[in-house]
Amino acid sequence: MAATLVTHPARQHSHQLARALFERDRLQGYWAGVPAAAPETKGPLYRLLARLSPQPTVGLPSRLVRHNYIVPLTWRLAGTVLSQSRAVALRHRADAQFDAWAARRLPEDIQAVVCYENAALDTFRTAREQGATTILDAASFHYARQDAFYEPAEPDEAHEKINARKEQEIQYADHILTVSELARESYLDAGVSPDRVTSVPMGADLSSFTPDEDPTADGSEPFTFLFAGHASRRKGVDVLLRSSEQLSREGFSHRLQFAGGRNESLFETTEAPIDLLGYLDRPNLAEAFRQADCLVVPSRHDSFGRVVVEAMATGTPALVSEHVGAKEVINEGRNGWIVPAEDTEALTEQMRWCVKNRKQTVSMHDAAVKSARQYSWEAYRERVIKTIEHILKAE
């Protein structure tokens, strides 16, 4: 397989793709805004930034790693001193600068390059001139689908420029990878040819998310539904609260737990039985999953939803909306359920069933664990390397 360069102004899941290529001795280089090489192999500034980074390094050899200092520093500065709209616009400009930086340094002997949204255009242009294959690894939906679900944070003029850049990146990409079949469909709906788009489902680090060896349902506590992530309208939390209120009016004993940040306005007037856990580290989040009876992710817009895999890895079944990319992990009625998005009645009906059939819900434990293991990072690396091999053979 051809030697491939991976570039990303931050990280997302790009380091896992780079690892997949490295494990097959096919990685030309990994250039990113987040430190990736072992700190002891680099200079003092790199070691300092690695120590300050919230994300651990991934141990790739120093000879394969380049780190752009400007992008992460710009991101931090923008978030500190600017309004949200101006900060988002500046971050997009920083991504474009990273792209230009990578394009100027592009090796002439690469045969493929994998880039990420907002930081691919210049690199793709240069790669095309050199005869290299260009692959866009898209972490979210097509920009038109994104615009249909929420208002952009940046000013209109900046947003139009960002979308124009995204469209050019799509045009210059020989192939596009998406993190779910749902995200792939958004590109097809936008007119991209099906043979140019492949779904490679996201993975997750499941090392902390282990199951209980002997799950039980003694019924001494109220049935617990757990939401994990930022509680917002985009995540369908308003729908979830209405469903919970309806169950309470009907006399069904349950509670809603929320792990993560939240939009306070959603909780100001609710009468749902809520328990706000706040931000949880990985071990405590895993324990919250194990203690819960069911994860609920009723999002309006979620290209994958890694918490679905993490919760299921602990043995907790998941109830998700049809707009959650990780719905493909769900085997309806065996390890979880899928309901229409924004449908309070449908969500309430399924939650009601769970409360009334607690033992059946708990019995889904083993099926949930088995399904989740197919979405580990190791499994992702196997999938993505096979996909890239196929793309490059076709090219």
Foldseek 3Di string as FASTA:
>chain_A
DFAEEEEEAACVPSVLLQVLCVVVVRHQAYEYQAAAADLVVDDDVSVVRCVVDPDHHNHDHPVRYHHDPPLVVLLVVLVPPHDQQVSVLSNLVSLCVSLVVCLVVPDLRGQEYEYEQSRHQSNLVSCVVSNHAYEYEYEFAQVVVVVVQDDDSYDPVSVVVSNVSRVNRLVSHQAYEAQFVLRQVRVVVVPDDNVRYDYQHAFAAQPLQAADPDDDCPPPAAAEEEEEDEADVQQVNLLVLVLQVVCVVVPRGYEYEYEEHYDVVSVPDGPGRYDYPYHDPSNVVSVVLNPHQEYEGQGPAARAPNVCLSSLLHQHAYEYEPRHRNCVLDDDQQRYHYHHHPDSVRVSVVVVVCSVPVVSSSVSRVVSNVSSVCRHSVNSSVRVVVVVVVSSVVD
